Amino acid sequence: MKPADDWNRWAQTWQQQPSINVDQLRQQVRRKQWRMRIFIVWRVIGAIIVVTALTRLQMAPGIPIPMRVWGGIMFPLFALIFYMRVRQYRGIWNAASEGTVDLLRLTAKRARAGIRLAWTNVAAIILISVVSLSFAAPYLMPVRWLHDPNVRHVLAPLIATNGAIAIAALVINASYMHRQRARLHHVEALLAEVTDLDGHPN
């Protein structure tokens, strides 16, 4: 093969390289790592608050038995949710190397983990709502709240507040999943371009 042909082939290969700013990619990976650390800290703080509240509920005098049973169920349920959330962070802290391919693979793994985490949050919201409503069902009967102003005054703001929070959380998680899927699609396209050129990673 003539040297001119080699230069032409190398020039074509160089022009086909995907436009990836490696320095910017490294910065994004590091920023995401710090955000993950902050999220872990917030989840631990949230878990402590929940455990404290449930413990006080169990120890407080005069609490109806159904409420105590609800609190007893919430203990293992919140522990399971906490475990499932934290578990999504396994294996996505560091890339195998500072190379472009490994950074892209880490970014793709983080996007997949983010989608799983959002689904975990959605499942947790639905499960907690179902368990809580099952215990609140006797108080939700029209015969109870239509003729008892005390029950009505307690239930109305409680249902409105928790319902608004649940709906907002579902919308936020759905939006987050949409963004992560778009990011995953973009990163996988970049990975395909990088790894398919010349039949091996660059």
Protein backbone atom coordinates (compact mmCIF):
# COMPACT_ATOMS: atom_id res chain seq x y z
CA MET A 1 0.00 0.00 0.00
CA LYS A 2 1.30 3.44 -0.88
CA PRO A 3 2.07 5.94 1.91
CA ALA A 4 -0.43 8.33 0.33
CA ASP A 5 -3.13 5.68 0.67
CA ASP A 6 -2.23 5.23 4.35
CA TRP A 7 -2.50 8.96 4.96
CA ASN A 8 -5.85 9.09 3.20
CA ARG A 9 -7.16 6.16 5.23
CA TRP A 10 -5.94 7.69 8.50
CA ALA A 11 -7.45 11.05 7.55
CA GLN A 12 -10.81 9.44 6.83
CA THR A 13 -10.69 7.53 10.12
CA TRP A 14 -9.84 10.71 12.01
CA GLN A 15 -12.72 12.58 10.39
CA GLN A 16 -15.10 9.77 11.36
CA GLN A 17 -14.15 9.96 15.04
CA PRO A 18 -17.13 11.02 17.20
CA SER A 19 -16.77 14.53 18.61
CA ILE A 20 -16.27 13.79 22.32
CA ASN A 21 -14.80 16.32 24.69
CA VAL A 22 -12.92 13.96 26.99
CA ASP A 23 -12.09 16.65 29.55
CA GLN A 24 -15.73 17.66 29.77
CA LEU A 25 -16.74 14.00 30.05
CA ARG A 26 -14.32 13.52 32.96
CA GLN A 27 -15.74 16.58 34.70
CA GLN A 28 -19.28 15.30 34.25
CA VAL A 29 -18.29 11.92 35.71
CA ARG A 30 -16.68 13.58 38.74
CA ARG A 31 -19.65 15.94 39.32
CA LYS A 32 -22.02 13.00 39.15
CA GLN A 33 -19.90 11.18 41.73
CA TRP A 34 -20.23 14.11 44.15
CA ARG A 35 -23.99 14.27 43.57
CA MET A 36 -24.21 10.55 44.30
CA ARG A 37 -22.40 11.08 47.59
CA ILE A 38 -24.79 13.86 48.53
CA PHE A 39 -27.78 11.68 47.65
CA ILE A 40 -26.42 8.85 49.82
CA VAL A 41 -26.02 11.23 52.76
CA TRP A 42 -29.56 12.54 52.31
CA ARG A 43 -30.93 9.01 52.13
CA VAL A 44 -29.16 8.09 55.37
CA ILE A 45 -30.53 11.24 57.05
CA GLY A 46 -34.01 10.42 55.73
CA ALA A 47 -33.74 6.85 57.02
CA ILE A 48 -32.76 8.11 60.48
CA ILE A 49 -35.73 10.48 60.53
CA VAL A 50 -38.14 7.71 59.47
CA VAL A 51 -36.79 5.23 62.04
CA THR A 52 -36.99 7.87 64.77
CA ALA A 53 -40.59 8.76 63.86
CA LEU A 54 -41.69 5.11 63.72
CA THR A 55 -39.97 4.37 67.02
CA ARG A 56 -41.70 7.29 68.72
CA LEU A 57 -45.00 6.09 67.26
CA GLN A 58 -44.51 2.65 68.80
CA MET A 59 -43.52 4.08 72.19
CA ALA A 60 -46.14 6.82 72.44
CA PRO A 61 -49.05 6.10 74.80
CA GLY A 62 -52.62 5.98 73.57
CA ILE A 63 -51.80 5.05 69.98
CA PRO A 64 -54.52 2.81 68.46
CA ILE A 65 -53.50 -0.75 67.72
CA PRO A 66 -54.04 -0.41 63.92
CA MET A 67 -51.63 2.52 63.89
CA ARG A 68 -49.05 0.51 65.81
CA VAL A 69 -49.44 -2.39 63.40
CA TRP A 70 -49.01 0.03 60.49
CA GLY A 71 -45.81 1.33 62.07
CA GLY A 72 -44.56 -2.21 62.60
CA ILE A 73 -45.09 -2.98 58.92
CA MET A 74 -43.39 0.26 57.87
CA PHE A 75 -40.15 -0.68 59.66
CA PRO A 76 -39.18 -3.62 57.37
CA LEU A 77 -40.79 -1.94 54.36
CA PHE A 78 -38.67 1.20 54.69
CA ALA A 79 -35.59 -0.93 55.38
CA LEU A 80 -36.22 -2.83 52.13
CA ILE A 81 -36.75 0.40 50.19
CA PHE A 82 -33.56 1.89 51.63
CA TYR A 83 -31.59 -1.22 50.69
CA MET A 84 -33.00 -1.29 47.15
CA ARG A 85 -32.17 2.39 46.66
CA VAL A 86 -28.61 2.19 47.96
CA ARG A 87 -28.02 -1.04 46.05
CA GLN A 88 -28.41 0.85 42.75
CA TYR A 89 -25.17 2.72 43.46
CA ARG A 90 -23.03 -0.42 43.40
CA GLY A 91 -20.43 -0.56 40.66
CA ILE A 92 -21.04 2.95 39.32
CA TRP A 93 -18.62 5.01 41.41
CA ASN A 94 -15.48 4.81 39.29
CA ALA A 95 -14.56 3.97 35.72
CA ALA A 96 -12.08 1.21 34.93
CA SER A 97 -9.78 3.89 33.49
CA GLU A 98 -9.74 7.53 32.42
CA GLY A 99 -10.12 6.48 28.79
CA THR A 100 -13.01 7.65 26.65
CA VAL A 101 -14.59 4.21 26.28
CA ASP A 102 -14.51 3.43 30.00
CA LEU A 103 -15.90 6.85 30.89
CA LEU A 104 -18.74 6.37 28.42
CA ARG A 105 -19.43 2.87 29.75
CA LEU A 106 -19.57 4.25 33.30
CA THR A 107 -21.94 7.00 32.18
CA ALA A 108 -24.18 4.39 30.53
CA LYS A 109 -24.13 2.23 33.68
CA ARG A 110 -25.10 5.25 35.76
CA ALA A 111 -27.98 6.04 33.43
CA ARG A 112 -29.27 2.45 33.70
CA ALA A 113 -28.90 2.60 37.49
CA GLY A 114 -30.80 5.90 37.52
CA ILE A 115 -33.68 4.30 35.62
CA ARG A 116 -33.76 1.37 38.07
CA LEU A 117 -33.65 3.81 40.99
CA ALA A 118 -36.58 5.78 39.61
CA TRP A 119 -38.58 2.56 39.18
CA THR A 120 -37.70 1.65 42.78
CA ASN A 121 -39.04 5.02 43.92
CA VAL A 122 -42.26 4.54 41.94
CA ALA A 123 -42.76 1.05 43.39
CA ALA A 124 -42.07 2.38 46.90
CA ILE A 125 -44.64 5.17 46.51
CA ILE A 126 -47.30 2.75 45.27
CA LEU A 127 -46.54 0.13 47.95
CA ILE A 128 -46.55 2.62 50.83
CA SER A 129 -49.77 4.17 49.53
CA VAL A 130 -51.52 0.79 49.26
CA VAL A 131 -50.44 -0.30 52.76
CA SER A 132 -51.37 3.04 54.29
CA LEU A 133 -54.76 3.21 52.56
CA SER A 134 -55.59 -0.33 53.63
CA PHE A 135 -55.19 0.69 57.27
CA ALA A 136 -57.00 4.00 56.72
CA ALA A 137 -59.90 2.33 54.88
CA PRO A 138 -62.25 2.24 57.91
CA TYR A 139 -61.81 5.99 58.37
CA LEU A 140 -62.37 6.65 54.67
CA MET A 141 -65.87 5.19 54.71
CA PRO A 142 -68.43 7.95 54.08
CA VAL A 143 -70.35 6.97 57.22
CA ARG A 144 -67.28 7.95 59.28
CA TRP A 145 -66.14 11.23 57.79
CA LEU A 146 -69.50 12.62 56.63
CA HIS A 147 -70.93 12.62 60.16
CA ASP A 148 -67.76 13.17 62.17
CA PRO A 149 -66.24 16.65 61.68
CA ASN A 150 -63.12 15.69 63.65
CA VAL A 151 -62.32 12.84 61.29
CA ARG A 152 -63.16 15.03 58.30
CA HIS A 153 -60.89 17.86 59.46
CA VAL A 154 -58.00 15.43 59.95
CA LEU A 155 -58.49 13.39 56.79
CA ALA A 156 -59.00 16.24 54.33
CA PRO A 157 -55.59 17.94 54.76
CA LEU A 158 -53.85 14.59 55.27
CA ILE A 159 -55.17 13.10 52.03
CA ALA A 160 -54.64 16.34 50.12
CA THR A 161 -51.04 16.76 51.31
CA ASN A 162 -49.95 13.14 50.91
CA GLY A 163 -51.78 12.82 47.59
CA ALA A 164 -50.06 15.93 46.22
CA ILE A 165 -46.66 14.68 47.41
CA ALA A 166 -47.21 11.23 45.87
CA ILE A 167 -48.35 12.66 42.53
CA ALA A 168 -45.45 15.13 42.43
CA ALA A 169 -42.98 12.34 43.26
CA LEU A 170 -44.39 10.14 40.48
CA VAL A 171 -44.13 12.99 37.96
CA ILE A 172 -40.56 13.81 39.03
CA ASN A 173 -39.47 10.18 38.75
CA ALA A 174 -41.15 9.78 35.36
CA SER A 175 -39.35 12.90 34.11
CA TYR A 176 -36.07 11.62 35.53
CA MET A 177 -36.50 8.26 33.78
CA HIS A 178 -37.18 10.06 30.49
CA ARG A 179 -33.97 12.11 30.83
CA GLN A 180 -31.91 9.06 31.76
CA ARG A 181 -33.24 7.07 28.80
CA ALA A 182 -32.34 9.93 26.47
CA ARG A 183 -28.87 10.12 28.01
CA LEU A 184 -28.42 6.35 27.74
CA HIS A 185 -29.45 6.40 24.07
CA HIS A 186 -26.96 9.20 23.35
CA VAL A 187 -24.08 7.53 25.22
CA GLU A 188 -24.74 4.14 23.64
CA ALA A 189 -24.64 5.79 20.21
CA LEU A 190 -21.28 7.36 21.05
CA LEU A 191 -19.99 4.03 22.36
CA ALA A 192 -21.07 2.28 19.16
CA GLU A 193 -19.20 4.85 17.08
CA VAL A 194 -16.04 4.63 19.19
CA THR A 195 -15.89 0.86 19.44
CA ASP A 196 -16.93 0.11 15.85
CA LEU A 197 -14.25 2.22 14.21
CA ASP A 198 -11.45 -0.07 13.08
CA GLY A 199 -13.22 -2.92 14.88
CA HIS A 200 -11.76 -2.12 18.31
CA PRO A 201 -11.99 0.56 21.02
CA ASN A 202 -9.91 3.68 20.55
